[in-house]
Structures are given as C-alpha cells and as structure tokens.
C-alpha cells in the first residue's frame, strides 16, 4: 500500500500481431473481465 492506496497492476501480453476473426471473442472476453474487475470494490479489514 502506498499512501493508503492499494495498487493492483495487471498485464496482458499478446504474442501474435495478427489473429483470425474467429479468435476475436477471446479478446472481448478478456477486456470485459478487466473492465468488470476495475469496477469492483475491495474491502480490507484490519486484523489486530
């Protein structure tokens, strides 16, 4: 944590510069999942 901010870094690496149209749905699924995660709330509980 930095200045009371929790920072989560993610990375997606594409190894191919070209992909067939049939694989496009896989990219959409990933970007949708990333967006949904970015909209999530994380609750931290202090443990004594």
PDB file of N, CA and C in Angstrom:
ATOM      1  N   UNK A   1       0.841  -1.179   0.000  1.00  0.00           N
ATOM      2  CA  UNK A   1       0.000   0.000   0.000  1.00  0.00           C
ATOM      3  C   UNK A   1       0.882   1.236   0.000  1.00  0.00           C
ATOM      4  N   UNK A   2       0.460   2.212  -0.760  1.00  0.00           N
ATOM      5  CA  UNK A   2       1.176   3.481  -0.849  1.00  0.00           C
ATOM      6  C   UNK A   2       0.184   4.594  -0.518  1.00  0.00           C
ATOM      7  N   UNK A   3       0.480   5.370   0.517  1.00  0.00           N
ATOM      8  CA  UNK A   3      -0.394   6.481   0.911  1.00  0.00           C
ATOM      9  C   UNK A   3      -1.846   6.039   1.048  1.00  0.00           C
ATOM     10  N   UNK A   4      -2.057   4.915   1.703  1.00  0.00           N
ATOM     11  CA  UNK A   4      -3.388   4.357   1.937  1.00  0.00           C
ATOM     12  C   UNK A   4      -4.110   3.934   0.661  1.00  0.00           C
ATOM     13  N   UNK A   5      -3.407   3.780  -0.435  1.00  0.00           N
ATOM     14  CA  UNK A   5      -3.993   3.302  -1.687  1.00  0.00           C
ATOM     15  C   UNK A   5      -3.476   1.897  -1.965  1.00  0.00           C
ATOM     16  N   UNK A   6      -4.371   0.999  -2.275  1.00  0.00           N
ATOM     17  CA  UNK A   6      -3.998  -0.348  -2.686  1.00  0.00           C
ATOM     18  C   UNK A   6      -3.853  -0.333  -4.199  1.00  0.00           C
ATOM     19  N   UNK A   7      -2.688  -0.663  -4.689  1.00  0.00           N
ATOM     20  CA  UNK A   7      -2.420  -0.628  -6.124  1.00  0.00           C
ATOM     21  C   UNK A   7      -2.267  -2.053  -6.627  1.00  0.00           C
ATOM     22  N   UNK A   8      -3.079  -2.398  -7.607  1.00  0.00           N
ATOM     23  CA  UNK A   8      -3.026  -3.723  -8.228  1.00  0.00           C
ATOM     24  C   UNK A   8      -2.664  -3.514  -9.686  1.00  0.00           C
ATOM     25  N   UNK A   9      -1.568  -4.104 -10.114  1.00  0.00           N
ATOM     26  CA  UNK A   9      -1.136  -3.979 -11.505  1.00  0.00           C
ATOM     27  C   UNK A   9      -1.388  -5.295 -12.224  1.00  0.00           C
ATOM     28  N   UNK A  10      -1.961  -5.196 -13.400  1.00  0.00           N
ATOM     29  CA  UNK A  10      -2.182  -6.369 -14.239  1.00  0.00           C
ATOM     30  C   UNK A  10      -1.603  -6.096 -15.614  1.00  0.00           C
ATOM     31  N   UNK A  11      -1.343  -7.156 -16.328  1.00  0.00           N
ATOM     32  CA  UNK A  11      -0.751  -7.006 -17.652  1.00  0.00           C
ATOM     33  C   UNK A  11      -1.242  -8.133 -18.544  1.00  0.00           C
ATOM     34  N   UNK A  12      -1.555  -7.793 -19.754  1.00  0.00           N
ATOM     35  CA  UNK A  12      -1.937  -8.785 -20.764  1.00  0.00           C
ATOM     36  C   UNK A  12      -1.001  -8.599 -21.943  1.00  0.00           C
ATOM     37  N   UNK A  13      -0.330  -9.659 -22.323  1.00  0.00           N
ATOM     38  CA  UNK A  13       0.631  -9.597 -23.430  1.00  0.00           C
ATOM     39  C   UNK A  13       0.096 -10.441 -24.579  1.00  0.00           C
ATOM     40  N   UNK A  14       0.048  -9.808 -25.736  1.00  0.00           N
ATOM     41  CA  UNK A  14      -0.364 -10.511 -26.941  1.00  0.00           C
ATOM     42  C   UNK A  14       0.899 -10.920 -27.692  1.00  0.00           C
ATOM     43  N   UNK A  15       1.060 -12.202 -27.953  1.00  0.00           N
ATOM     44  CA  UNK A  15       2.265 -12.696 -28.611  1.00  0.00           C
ATOM     45  C   UNK A  15       2.143 -12.696 -30.127  1.00  0.00           C
ATOM     46  N   UNK A  16       0.933 -12.545 -30.623  1.00  0.00           N
ATOM     47  CA  UNK A  16       0.708 -12.526 -32.069  1.00  0.00           C
ATOM     48  C   UNK A  16       0.307 -11.120 -32.498  1.00  0.00           C
ATOM     49  N   UNK A  17       0.850 -10.674 -33.611  1.00  0.00           N
ATOM     50  CA  UNK A  17       0.456  -9.360 -34.116  1.00  0.00           C
ATOM     51  C   UNK A  17      -0.814  -9.448 -34.956  1.00  0.00           C
ATOM     52  N   UNK A  18      -1.166 -10.636 -35.398  1.00  0.00           N
ATOM     53  CA  UNK A  18      -2.394 -10.845 -36.164  1.00  0.00           C
ATOM     54  C   UNK A  18      -3.118 -12.072 -35.615  1.00  0.00           C
ATOM     55  N   UNK A  19      -4.422 -11.999 -35.628  1.00  0.00           N
ATOM     56  CA  UNK A  19      -5.249 -13.100 -35.148  1.00  0.00           C
ATOM     57  C   UNK A  19      -6.439 -13.244 -36.081  1.00  0.00           C
ATOM     58  N   UNK A  20      -6.950 -14.441 -36.180  1.00  0.00           N
ATOM     59  CA  UNK A  20      -8.113 -14.660 -37.038  1.00  0.00           C
ATOM     60  C   UNK A  20      -9.366 -14.088 -36.366  1.00  0.00           C
ATOM     61  N   UNK A  21     -10.337 -13.767 -37.173  1.00  0.00           N
ATOM     62  CA  UNK A  21     -11.582 -13.188 -36.660  1.00  0.00           C
ATOM     63  C   UNK A  21     -12.287 -14.149 -35.708  1.00  0.00           C
ATOM     64  N   UNK A  22     -12.083 -15.437 -35.880  1.00  0.00           N
ATOM     65  CA  UNK A  22     -12.743 -16.414 -35.008  1.00  0.00           C
ATOM     66  C   UNK A  22     -12.234 -16.334 -33.565  1.00  0.00           C
ATOM     67  N   UNK A  23     -11.046 -15.798 -33.363  1.00  0.00           N
ATOM     68  CA  UNK A  23     -10.495 -15.654 -32.008  1.00  0.00           C
ATOM     69  C   UNK A  23     -10.836 -14.316 -31.363  1.00  0.00           C
ATOM     70  N   UNK A  24     -11.504 -13.444 -32.096  1.00  0.00           N
ATOM     71  CA  UNK A  24     -11.793 -12.106 -31.583  1.00  0.00           C
ATOM     72  C   UNK A  24     -12.604 -12.144 -30.292  1.00  0.00           C
ATOM     73  N   UNK A  25     -13.518 -13.119 -30.189  1.00  0.00           N
ATOM     74  CA  UNK A  25     -14.342 -13.208 -28.974  1.00  0.00           C
ATOM     75  C   UNK A  25     -13.483 -13.409 -27.731  1.00  0.00           C
ATOM     76  N   UNK A  26     -12.325 -14.066 -27.860  1.00  0.00           N
ATOM     77  CA  UNK A  26     -11.433 -14.250 -26.708  1.00  0.00           C
ATOM     78  C   UNK A  26     -10.894 -12.914 -26.208  1.00  0.00           C
ATOM     79  N   UNK A  27     -10.611 -12.004 -27.118  1.00  0.00           N
ATOM     80  CA  UNK A  27     -10.130 -10.686 -26.725  1.00  0.00           C
ATOM     81  C   UNK A  27     -11.227  -9.884 -26.042  1.00  0.00           C
ATOM     82  N   UNK A  28     -12.426  -9.999 -26.550  1.00  0.00           N
ATOM     83  CA  UNK A  28     -13.558  -9.298 -25.939  1.00  0.00           C
ATOM     84  C   UNK A  28     -13.814  -9.824 -24.533  1.00  0.00           C
ATOM     85  N   UNK A  29     -13.741 -11.142 -24.362  1.00  0.00           N
ATOM     86  CA  UNK A  29     -13.936 -11.728 -23.031  1.00  0.00           C
ATOM     87  C   UNK A  29     -12.904 -11.193 -22.046  1.00  0.00           C
ATOM     88  N   UNK A  30     -11.663 -11.081 -22.491  1.00  0.00           N
ATOM     89  CA  UNK A  30     -10.622 -10.569 -21.596  1.00  0.00           C
ATOM     90  C   UNK A  30     -10.869  -9.106 -21.232  1.00  0.00           C
ATOM     91  N   UNK A  31     -11.175  -8.281 -22.214  1.00  0.00           N
ATOM     92  CA  UNK A  31     -11.382  -6.855 -21.916  1.00  0.00           C
ATOM     93  C   UNK A  31     -12.626  -6.655 -21.058  1.00  0.00           C
ATOM     94  N   UNK A  32     -13.663  -7.454 -21.266  1.00  0.00           N
ATOM     95  CA  UNK A  32     -14.852  -7.366 -20.410  1.00  0.00           C
ATOM     96  C   UNK A  32     -14.511  -7.749 -18.972  1.00  0.00           C
ATOM     97  N   UNK A  33     -13.730  -8.812 -18.806  1.00  0.00           N
ATOM     98  CA  UNK A  33     -13.333  -9.237 -17.462  1.00  0.00           C
ATOM     99  C   UNK A  33     -12.475  -8.174 -16.786  1.00  0.00           C
ATOM    100  N   UNK A  34     -11.579  -7.559 -17.535  1.00  0.00           N
ATOM    101  CA  UNK A  34     -10.735  -6.498 -16.974  1.00  0.00           C
ATOM    102  C   UNK A  34     -11.576  -5.304 -16.553  1.00  0.00           C
ATOM    103  N   UNK A  35     -12.545  -4.935 -17.381  1.00  0.00           N
ATOM    104  CA  UNK A  35     -13.429  -3.818 -17.028  1.00  0.00           C
ATOM    105  C   UNK A  35     -14.232  -4.149 -15.771  1.00  0.00           C
ATOM    106  N   UNK A  36     -14.805  -5.340 -15.715  1.00  0.00           N
ATOM    107  CA  UNK A  36     -15.587  -5.737 -14.545  1.00  0.00           C
ATOM    108  C   UNK A  36     -14.736  -5.702 -13.280  1.00  0.00           C
ATOM    109  N   UNK A  37     -13.487  -6.149 -13.380  1.00  0.00           N
ATOM    110  CA  UNK A  37     -12.591  -6.099 -12.223  1.00  0.00           C
ATOM    111  C   UNK A  37     -12.322  -4.656 -11.814  1.00  0.00           C
ATOM    112  N   UNK A  38     -12.150  -3.781 -12.784  1.00  0.00           N
ATOM    113  CA  UNK A  38     -11.854  -2.376 -12.470  1.00  0.00           C
ATOM    114  C   UNK A  38     -13.018  -1.700 -11.764  1.00  0.00           C
ATOM    115  N   UNK A  39     -14.213  -2.238 -11.911  1.00  0.00           N
ATOM    116  CA  UNK A  39     -15.388  -1.672 -11.261  1.00  0.00           C
ATOM    117  C   UNK A  39     -15.675  -2.308  -9.900  1.00  0.00           C
ATOM    118  N   UNK A  40     -14.869  -3.275  -9.499  1.00  0.00           N
ATOM    119  CA  UNK A  40     -15.072  -3.982  -8.233  1.00  0.00           C
ATOM    120  C   UNK A  40     -14.640  -3.132  -7.057  1.00  0.00           C
ATOM    121  N   UNK A  41     -15.176  -3.463  -5.928  1.00  0.00           N
ATOM    122  CA  UNK A  41     -14.798  -2.829  -4.669  1.00  0.00           C
ATOM    123  C   UNK A  41     -14.028  -3.867  -3.840  1.00  0.00           C
ATOM    124  N   UNK A  42     -12.972  -3.428  -3.193  1.00  0.00           N
ATOM    125  CA  UNK A  42     -12.186  -4.299  -2.332  1.00  0.00           C
ATOM    126  C   UNK A  42     -12.320  -3.787  -0.906  1.00  0.00           C
ATOM    127  N   UNK A  43     -12.726  -4.662  -0.013  1.00  0.00           N
ATOM    128  CA  UNK A  43     -12.901  -4.285   1.377  1.00  0.00           C
ATOM    129  C   UNK A  43     -11.763  -4.899   2.179  1.00  0.00           C
ATOM    130  N   UNK A  44     -11.027  -4.048   2.868  1.00  0.00           N
ATOM    131  CA  UNK A  44      -9.916  -4.502   3.700  1.00  0.00           C
ATOM    132  C   UNK A  44     -10.354  -4.402   5.167  1.00  0.00           C
ATOM    133  N   UNK A  45     -10.030  -5.432   5.920  1.00  0.00           N
ATOM    134  CA  UNK A  45     -10.385  -5.448   7.324  1.00  0.00           C
ATOM    135  C   UNK A  45      -9.113  -5.535   8.151  1.00  0.00           C
ATOM    136  N   UNK A  46      -8.996  -4.640   9.105  1.00  0.00           N
ATOM    137  CA  UNK A  46      -7.819  -4.623   9.954  1.00  0.00           C
ATOM    138  C   UNK A  46      -7.888  -5.814  10.929  1.00  0.00           C
ATOM    139  N   UNK A  47      -6.777  -6.547  10.985  1.00  0.00           N
ATOM    140  CA  UNK A  47      -6.682  -7.678  11.906  1.00  0.00           C
ATOM    141  C   UNK A  47      -5.751  -7.264  13.027  1.00  0.00           C
ATOM    142  N   UNK A  48      -6.243  -7.361  14.235  1.00  0.00           N
ATOM    143  CA  UNK A  48      -5.429  -6.955  15.400  1.00  0.00           C
ATOM    144  C   UNK A  48      -4.487  -8.044  15.821  1.00  0.00           C
TER     145      UNK A  48
END
